Amino acid sequence: MQRIRPNNPHEHVFPRRYREPDKFFRRAVKRAQDDLRDSGREEEAARLEGVSWHGLRHTWASRLTMKGVDPRTLQTLGGWRSLVIVERYSHLSPDHLRRAVEKLVGGQVSPNPRPALAPLPATELDSNLTRLQDEASRAL
């Protein structure tokens, strides 16, 4: 998009209302891809394939969640009416889940030491996390 009055800092870059990004976002991605291809950056242009406004909102919510932002703050920032929607938008990556599980297995010394658990092989841990995510998805 181009501003009509580039020197006006109050002029919106995207003139449409927030709820209508799907009407211009695909064209903006296509223009970006064309510009990247014209400058010989084909690989970068290919990475934009399938990028959507909706997908970026999921990514934004997920990254804030994994950085520890509380759900009520995320709800306010995202403009969502309920925490149920926040849960739909914020996903935890397998790496994030793996690190959380690894906190249980290693590093922490309890006042009543128990024999250390042998760490799970990475493939078994990935398999268990995938199973738990599938079960959680079905419960919603």
N, C-alpha and C. Protein backbone atom coordinates (compact mmCIF):
# COMPACT_ATOMS: atom_id res chain seq x y z
N MET A 1 0.84 -1.17 0.00
CA MET A 1 0.00 0.00 0.00
C MET A 1 0.89 1.24 0.00
N GLN A 2 0.38 2.30 -0.55
CA GLN A 2 1.08 3.57 -0.51
C GLN A 2 0.18 4.61 0.15
N ARG A 3 0.78 5.43 0.95
CA ARG A 3 0.03 6.51 1.56
C ARG A 3 -0.25 7.61 0.54
N ILE A 4 -1.39 8.25 0.68
CA ILE A 4 -1.72 9.37 -0.19
C ILE A 4 -0.90 10.58 0.23
N ARG A 5 -0.76 10.76 1.54
CA ARG A 5 0.03 11.87 2.09
C ARG A 5 1.17 11.27 2.92
N PRO A 6 2.29 10.91 2.30
CA PRO A 6 3.37 10.21 3.00
C PRO A 6 3.95 10.96 4.20
N ASN A 7 3.86 12.27 4.22
CA ASN A 7 4.43 13.05 5.32
C ASN A 7 3.48 13.17 6.51
N ASN A 8 2.27 12.64 6.38
CA ASN A 8 1.29 12.72 7.47
C ASN A 8 1.42 11.47 8.33
N PRO A 9 1.99 11.59 9.55
CA PRO A 9 2.20 10.41 10.38
C PRO A 9 0.90 9.80 10.92
N HIS A 10 -0.21 10.51 10.80
CA HIS A 10 -1.48 10.00 11.31
C HIS A 10 -2.29 9.26 10.25
N GLU A 11 -1.82 9.31 9.00
CA GLU A 11 -2.53 8.60 7.94
C GLU A 11 -2.24 7.11 8.07
N HIS A 12 -3.28 6.32 8.00
CA HIS A 12 -3.13 4.88 8.12
C HIS A 12 -2.45 4.30 6.89
N VAL A 13 -1.60 3.30 7.12
CA VAL A 13 -0.95 2.60 6.01
C VAL A 13 -2.00 1.75 5.29
N PHE A 14 -2.84 1.07 6.06
CA PHE A 14 -3.92 0.26 5.51
C PHE A 14 -5.23 1.00 5.76
N PRO A 15 -5.83 1.56 4.74
CA PRO A 15 -6.98 2.43 4.95
C PRO A 15 -8.27 1.71 5.36
N ARG A 16 -8.35 0.43 5.19
CA ARG A 16 -9.58 -0.28 5.52
C ARG A 16 -9.65 -0.59 7.01
N ARG A 17 -10.86 -0.87 7.44
CA ARG A 17 -11.07 -1.25 8.83
C ARG A 17 -10.33 -2.54 9.14
N TYR A 18 -10.02 -2.73 10.41
CA TYR A 18 -9.28 -3.92 10.85
C TYR A 18 -9.97 -5.21 10.42
N ARG A 19 -11.27 -5.27 10.47
CA ARG A 19 -11.99 -6.52 10.21
C ARG A 19 -12.04 -6.89 8.72
N GLU A 20 -11.42 -6.11 7.88
CA GLU A 20 -11.47 -6.39 6.45
C GLU A 20 -10.11 -6.67 5.82
N PRO A 21 -9.15 -7.22 6.57
CA PRO A 21 -7.81 -7.38 5.98
C PRO A 21 -7.77 -8.40 4.85
N ASP A 22 -8.71 -9.36 4.87
CA ASP A 22 -8.70 -10.38 3.83
C ASP A 22 -8.94 -9.79 2.45
N LYS A 23 -9.49 -8.57 2.39
CA LYS A 23 -9.77 -7.95 1.10
C LYS A 23 -8.52 -7.38 0.44
N PHE A 24 -7.48 -7.13 1.21
CA PHE A 24 -6.27 -6.56 0.61
C PHE A 24 -5.01 -7.37 0.90
N PHE A 25 -5.04 -8.24 1.90
CA PHE A 25 -3.81 -8.89 2.34
C PHE A 25 -3.23 -9.82 1.27
N ARG A 26 -4.07 -10.59 0.60
CA ARG A 26 -3.56 -11.50 -0.44
C ARG A 26 -2.84 -10.74 -1.55
N ARG A 27 -3.43 -9.59 -1.94
CA ARG A 27 -2.78 -8.79 -2.99
C ARG A 27 -1.45 -8.23 -2.49
N ALA A 28 -1.39 -7.84 -1.21
CA ALA A 28 -0.15 -7.31 -0.66
C ALA A 28 0.94 -8.39 -0.65
N VAL A 29 0.58 -9.61 -0.29
CA VAL A 29 1.54 -10.72 -0.29
C VAL A 29 2.01 -10.99 -1.72
N LYS A 30 1.07 -10.98 -2.67
CA LYS A 30 1.42 -11.22 -4.07
C LYS A 30 2.39 -10.15 -4.58
N ARG A 31 2.13 -8.88 -4.25
CA ARG A 31 3.04 -7.81 -4.66
C ARG A 31 4.42 -7.99 -4.04
N ALA A 32 4.45 -8.39 -2.78
CA ALA A 32 5.74 -8.63 -2.12
C ALA A 32 6.48 -9.76 -2.81
N GLN A 33 5.76 -10.84 -3.16
CA GLN A 33 6.40 -11.95 -3.86
C GLN A 33 6.94 -11.50 -5.21
N ASP A 34 6.16 -10.73 -5.95
CA ASP A 34 6.61 -10.24 -7.26
C ASP A 34 7.87 -9.39 -7.12
N ASP A 35 7.89 -8.51 -6.12
CA ASP A 35 9.07 -7.66 -5.90
C ASP A 35 10.29 -8.51 -5.54
N LEU A 36 10.09 -9.52 -4.69
CA LEU A 36 11.21 -10.38 -4.32
C LEU A 36 11.73 -11.15 -5.53
N ARG A 37 10.82 -11.67 -6.35
CA ARG A 37 11.25 -12.40 -7.56
C ARG A 37 12.00 -11.48 -8.52
N ASP A 38 11.48 -10.25 -8.68
CA ASP A 38 12.14 -9.29 -9.57
C ASP A 38 13.56 -8.96 -9.10
N SER A 39 13.80 -9.04 -7.80
CA SER A 39 15.14 -8.74 -7.29
C SER A 39 15.99 -10.01 -7.12
N GLY A 40 15.51 -11.13 -7.69
CA GLY A 40 16.29 -12.36 -7.68
C GLY A 40 16.24 -13.13 -6.37
N ARG A 41 15.26 -12.88 -5.55
CA ARG A 41 15.16 -13.55 -4.25
C ARG A 41 13.98 -14.54 -4.26
N GLU A 42 14.08 -15.48 -5.18
CA GLU A 42 13.01 -16.47 -5.41
C GLU A 42 12.68 -17.29 -4.16
N GLU A 43 13.71 -17.68 -3.42
CA GLU A 43 13.50 -18.51 -2.22
C GLU A 43 12.66 -17.76 -1.17
N GLU A 44 12.95 -16.49 -0.99
CA GLU A 44 12.17 -15.69 -0.04
C GLU A 44 10.73 -15.53 -0.51
N ALA A 45 10.55 -15.35 -1.81
CA ALA A 45 9.20 -15.21 -2.37
C ALA A 45 8.41 -16.50 -2.15
N ALA A 46 9.06 -17.63 -2.31
CA ALA A 46 8.39 -18.92 -2.12
C ALA A 46 7.95 -19.12 -0.67
N ARG A 47 8.71 -18.58 0.28
CA ARG A 47 8.35 -18.73 1.69
C ARG A 47 7.06 -17.99 2.04
N LEU A 48 6.67 -17.02 1.22
CA LEU A 48 5.44 -16.28 1.47
C LEU A 48 4.20 -17.01 0.95
N GLU A 49 4.43 -18.11 0.25
CA GLU A 49 3.30 -18.89 -0.29
C GLU A 49 2.42 -19.37 0.86
N GLY A 50 1.13 -19.09 0.78
CA GLY A 50 0.20 -19.55 1.80
C GLY A 50 0.10 -18.67 3.03
N VAL A 51 0.86 -17.56 3.08
CA VAL A 51 0.79 -16.65 4.23
C VAL A 51 -0.56 -15.94 4.19
N SER A 52 -1.23 -15.93 5.33
CA SER A 52 -2.53 -15.26 5.41
C SER A 52 -2.59 -14.38 6.65
N TRP A 53 -3.49 -13.42 6.62
CA TRP A 53 -3.71 -12.56 7.78
C TRP A 53 -4.11 -13.40 8.98
N HIS A 54 -5.00 -14.33 8.75
CA HIS A 54 -5.49 -15.19 9.82
C HIS A 54 -4.35 -16.02 10.43
N GLY A 55 -3.51 -16.56 9.57
CA GLY A 55 -2.37 -17.35 10.04
C GLY A 55 -1.40 -16.52 10.86
N LEU A 56 -1.21 -15.26 10.46
CA LEU A 56 -0.32 -14.38 11.21
C LEU A 56 -0.88 -14.08 12.60
N ARG A 57 -2.21 -13.99 12.72
CA ARG A 57 -2.81 -13.78 14.05
C ARG A 57 -2.57 -14.99 14.94
N HIS A 58 -2.67 -16.19 14.37
CA HIS A 58 -2.36 -17.40 15.14
C HIS A 58 -0.90 -17.38 15.60
N THR A 59 0.00 -17.06 14.69
CA THR A 59 1.42 -17.01 15.01
C THR A 59 1.70 -15.98 16.11
N TRP A 60 1.12 -14.81 15.96
CA TRP A 60 1.29 -13.73 16.93
C TRP A 60 0.82 -14.18 18.32
N ALA A 61 -0.38 -14.75 18.39
CA ALA A 61 -0.93 -15.19 19.68
C ALA A 61 -0.09 -16.32 20.27
N SER A 62 0.34 -17.23 19.45
CA SER A 62 1.12 -18.37 19.92
C SER A 62 2.47 -17.92 20.48
N ARG A 63 3.13 -17.02 19.77
CA ARG A 63 4.45 -16.56 20.24
C ARG A 63 4.34 -15.79 21.55
N LEU A 64 3.31 -14.96 21.68
CA LEU A 64 3.14 -14.25 22.95
C LEU A 64 2.84 -15.23 24.08
N THR A 65 2.02 -16.23 23.81
CA THR A 65 1.70 -17.24 24.82
C THR A 65 2.96 -17.96 25.27
N MET A 66 3.80 -18.36 24.32
CA MET A 66 5.02 -19.09 24.66
C MET A 66 6.06 -18.20 25.35
N LYS A 67 5.90 -16.88 25.23
CA LYS A 67 6.79 -15.95 25.95
C LYS A 67 6.25 -15.64 27.34
N GLY A 68 5.10 -16.23 27.69
CA GLY A 68 4.58 -16.08 29.04
C GLY A 68 3.53 -15.00 29.23
N VAL A 69 3.01 -14.42 28.14
CA VAL A 69 1.96 -13.41 28.28
C VAL A 69 0.68 -14.11 28.76
N ASP A 70 0.07 -13.53 29.79
CA ASP A 70 -1.12 -14.17 30.37
C ASP A 70 -2.32 -14.06 29.41
N PRO A 71 -3.24 -15.02 29.50
CA PRO A 71 -4.37 -15.07 28.56
C PRO A 71 -5.25 -13.80 28.56
N ARG A 72 -5.48 -13.18 29.71
CA ARG A 72 -6.33 -11.97 29.74
C ARG A 72 -5.68 -10.83 28.97
N THR A 73 -4.37 -10.69 29.11
CA THR A 73 -3.66 -9.65 28.36
C THR A 73 -3.74 -9.94 26.87
N LEU A 74 -3.53 -11.19 26.50
CA LEU A 74 -3.61 -11.59 25.10
C LEU A 74 -5.02 -11.34 24.55
N GLN A 75 -6.03 -11.62 25.36
CA GLN A 75 -7.42 -11.38 24.96
C GLN A 75 -7.62 -9.90 24.63
N THR A 76 -7.12 -9.04 25.49
CA THR A 76 -7.27 -7.60 25.28
C THR A 76 -6.51 -7.14 24.04
N LEU A 77 -5.26 -7.58 23.90
CA LEU A 77 -4.45 -7.18 22.75
C LEU A 77 -5.05 -7.68 21.44
N GLY A 78 -5.59 -8.90 21.46
CA GLY A 78 -6.15 -9.48 20.24
C GLY A 78 -7.56 -9.02 19.93
N GLY A 79 -8.20 -8.36 20.90
CA GLY A 79 -9.56 -7.89 20.67
C GLY A 79 -10.59 -8.99 20.70
N TRP A 80 -10.28 -10.09 21.38
CA TRP A 80 -11.22 -11.21 21.43
C TRP A 80 -12.19 -11.04 22.60
N ARG A 81 -13.41 -11.52 22.42
CA ARG A 81 -14.44 -11.34 23.45
C ARG A 81 -14.36 -12.36 24.57
N SER A 82 -13.73 -13.50 24.32
CA SER A 82 -13.69 -14.52 25.37
C SER A 82 -12.34 -15.23 25.39
N LEU A 83 -12.06 -15.86 26.52
CA LEU A 83 -10.81 -16.62 26.65
C LEU A 83 -10.84 -17.89 25.81
N VAL A 84 -12.03 -18.35 25.46
CA VAL A 84 -12.14 -19.54 24.59
C VAL A 84 -11.48 -19.25 23.24
N ILE A 85 -11.69 -18.06 22.72
CA ILE A 85 -11.08 -17.70 21.44
C ILE A 85 -9.57 -17.58 21.58
N VAL A 86 -9.11 -17.06 22.71
CA VAL A 86 -7.66 -16.97 22.96
C VAL A 86 -7.06 -18.37 22.89
N GLU A 87 -7.74 -19.35 23.48
CA GLU A 87 -7.24 -20.73 23.45
C GLU A 87 -7.21 -21.28 22.03
N ARG A 88 -8.15 -20.90 21.20
CA ARG A 88 -8.16 -21.36 19.81
C ARG A 88 -6.99 -20.78 19.02
N TYR A 89 -6.65 -19.54 19.31
CA TYR A 89 -5.61 -18.86 18.56
C TYR A 89 -4.21 -19.17 19.05
N SER A 90 -4.04 -19.44 20.32
CA SER A 90 -2.69 -19.62 20.85
C SER A 90 -2.35 -21.11 20.94
N HIS A 91 -1.36 -21.49 20.17
CA HIS A 91 -0.92 -22.88 20.12
C HIS A 91 0.48 -22.98 20.73
N LEU A 92 0.77 -24.10 21.33
CA LEU A 92 2.10 -24.32 21.88
C LEU A 92 2.88 -25.20 20.92
N SER A 93 4.08 -24.78 20.57
CA SER A 93 4.89 -25.56 19.64
C SER A 93 5.39 -26.83 20.31
N PRO A 94 5.70 -27.86 19.53
CA PRO A 94 6.25 -29.08 20.11
C PRO A 94 7.53 -28.81 20.91
N ASP A 95 8.38 -27.88 20.45
CA ASP A 95 9.61 -27.56 21.20
C ASP A 95 9.27 -26.94 22.55
N HIS A 96 8.27 -26.08 22.59
CA HIS A 96 7.86 -25.46 23.84
C HIS A 96 7.35 -26.52 24.82
N LEU A 97 6.54 -27.43 24.31
CA LEU A 97 6.01 -28.51 25.15
C LEU A 97 7.13 -29.43 25.63
N ARG A 98 8.07 -29.72 24.74
CA ARG A 98 9.19 -30.58 25.09
C ARG A 98 10.02 -29.96 26.22
N ARG A 99 10.29 -28.66 26.11
CA ARG A 99 11.06 -27.98 27.16
C ARG A 99 10.32 -28.01 28.50
N ALA A 100 9.00 -27.89 28.46
CA ALA A 100 8.21 -27.94 29.69
C ALA A 100 8.32 -29.32 30.34
N VAL A 101 8.24 -30.37 29.54
CA VAL A 101 8.35 -31.73 30.07
C VAL A 101 9.76 -31.99 30.58
N GLU A 102 10.76 -31.47 29.88
CA GLU A 102 12.14 -31.67 30.31
C GLU A 102 12.42 -31.03 31.66
N LYS A 103 11.67 -29.99 32.02
CA LYS A 103 11.83 -29.38 33.34
C LYS A 103 11.49 -30.38 34.45
N LEU A 104 10.55 -31.28 34.15
CA LEU A 104 10.19 -32.31 35.13
C LEU A 104 11.30 -33.34 35.30
N VAL A 105 11.96 -33.64 34.21
CA VAL A 105 12.93 -34.72 34.20
C VAL A 105 14.30 -34.29 34.70
N GLY A 106 14.72 -33.11 34.35
CA GLY A 106 16.10 -32.75 34.70
C GLY A 106 16.21 -31.46 35.47
N GLY A 107 17.34 -31.32 36.13
CA GLY A 107 17.73 -30.06 36.70
C GLY A 107 17.21 -29.72 38.08
N GLN A 108 16.01 -30.03 38.43
CA GLN A 108 15.44 -29.61 39.71
C GLN A 108 15.78 -30.62 40.80
N VAL A 109 16.29 -30.13 41.93
CA VAL A 109 16.60 -30.99 43.07
C VAL A 109 15.50 -30.82 44.10
N SER A 110 14.85 -31.91 44.47
CA SER A 110 13.77 -31.82 45.44
C SER A 110 14.32 -32.07 46.84
N PRO A 111 13.61 -31.62 47.89
CA PRO A 111 14.08 -31.83 49.26
C PRO A 111 14.15 -33.31 49.63
N ASN A 112 13.29 -34.13 49.06
CA ASN A 112 13.31 -35.58 49.30
C ASN A 112 13.76 -36.26 48.01
N PRO A 113 15.07 -36.41 47.83
CA PRO A 113 15.54 -36.94 46.55
C PRO A 113 15.02 -38.35 46.28
N ARG A 114 14.64 -38.53 45.06
CA ARG A 114 14.22 -39.85 44.57
C ARG A 114 15.20 -40.25 43.49
N PRO A 115 15.23 -41.50 43.15
CA PRO A 115 16.13 -41.89 42.05
C PRO A 115 15.80 -41.10 40.79
N ALA A 116 16.83 -40.66 40.11
CA ALA A 116 16.64 -39.88 38.89
C ALA A 116 15.95 -40.71 37.82
N LEU A 117 15.06 -40.06 37.08
CA LEU A 117 14.41 -40.72 35.96
C LEU A 117 15.36 -40.69 34.77
N ALA A 118 15.40 -41.77 34.04
CA ALA A 118 16.20 -41.79 32.84
C ALA A 118 15.50 -40.93 31.79
N PRO A 119 16.24 -40.05 31.11
CA PRO A 119 15.59 -39.21 30.11
C PRO A 119 15.01 -40.06 28.99
N LEU A 120 13.85 -39.64 28.50
CA LEU A 120 13.22 -40.33 27.38
C LEU A 120 13.98 -40.01 26.10
N PRO A 121 14.08 -40.98 25.22
CA PRO A 121 14.67 -40.66 23.91
C PRO A 121 13.81 -39.60 23.23
N ALA A 122 14.42 -38.73 22.44
CA ALA A 122 13.70 -37.62 21.80
C ALA A 122 12.52 -38.10 20.97
N THR A 123 12.67 -39.23 20.27
CA THR A 123 11.57 -39.70 19.44
C THR A 123 10.39 -40.13 20.28
N GLU A 124 10.65 -40.74 21.43
CA GLU A 124 9.56 -41.16 22.31
C GLU A 124 8.88 -39.94 22.93
N LEU A 125 9.67 -38.94 23.29
CA LEU A 125 9.12 -37.72 23.86
C LEU A 125 8.24 -37.02 22.82
N ASP A 126 8.72 -36.92 21.58
CA ASP A 126 7.93 -36.31 20.50
C ASP A 126 6.62 -37.05 20.30
N SER A 127 6.69 -38.37 20.32
CA SER A 127 5.50 -39.19 20.13
C SER A 127 4.49 -38.95 21.25
N ASN A 128 4.98 -38.90 22.50
CA ASN A 128 4.08 -38.67 23.63
C ASN A 128 3.45 -37.28 23.56
N LEU A 129 4.24 -36.26 23.18
CA LEU A 129 3.70 -34.91 23.08
C LEU A 129 2.64 -34.83 21.99
N THR A 130 2.88 -35.47 20.85
CA THR A 130 1.91 -35.47 19.77
C THR A 130 0.62 -36.13 20.22
N ARG A 131 0.73 -37.24 20.95
CA ARG A 131 -0.46 -37.94 21.44
C ARG A 131 -1.24 -37.05 22.40
N LEU A 132 -0.54 -36.35 23.31
CA LEU A 132 -1.21 -35.47 24.26
C LEU A 132 -1.89 -34.31 23.55
N GLN A 133 -1.24 -33.75 22.52
CA GLN A 133 -1.84 -32.66 21.77
C GLN A 133 -3.10 -33.14 21.06
N ASP A 134 -3.06 -34.34 20.47
CA ASP A 134 -4.23 -34.88 19.79
C ASP A 134 -5.39 -35.08 20.76
N GLU A 135 -5.09 -35.60 21.94
CA GLU A 135 -6.13 -35.81 22.95
C GLU A 135 -6.72 -34.48 23.40
N ALA A 136 -5.87 -33.48 23.58
CA ALA A 136 -6.36 -32.17 24.01
C ALA A 136 -7.24 -31.54 22.93
N SER A 137 -6.86 -31.70 21.65
CA SER A 137 -7.66 -31.16 20.56
C SER A 137 -9.04 -31.81 20.51
N ARG A 138 -9.08 -33.11 20.71
CA ARG A 138 -10.37 -33.81 20.67
C ARG A 138 -11.26 -33.41 21.84
N ALA A 139 -10.65 -33.04 22.97
CA ALA A 139 -11.44 -32.66 24.15
C ALA A 139 -12.15 -31.32 23.94
N LEU A 140 -11.60 -30.47 23.07
CA LEU A 140 -12.23 -29.15 22.79
C LEU A 140 -13.38 -29.37 21.92
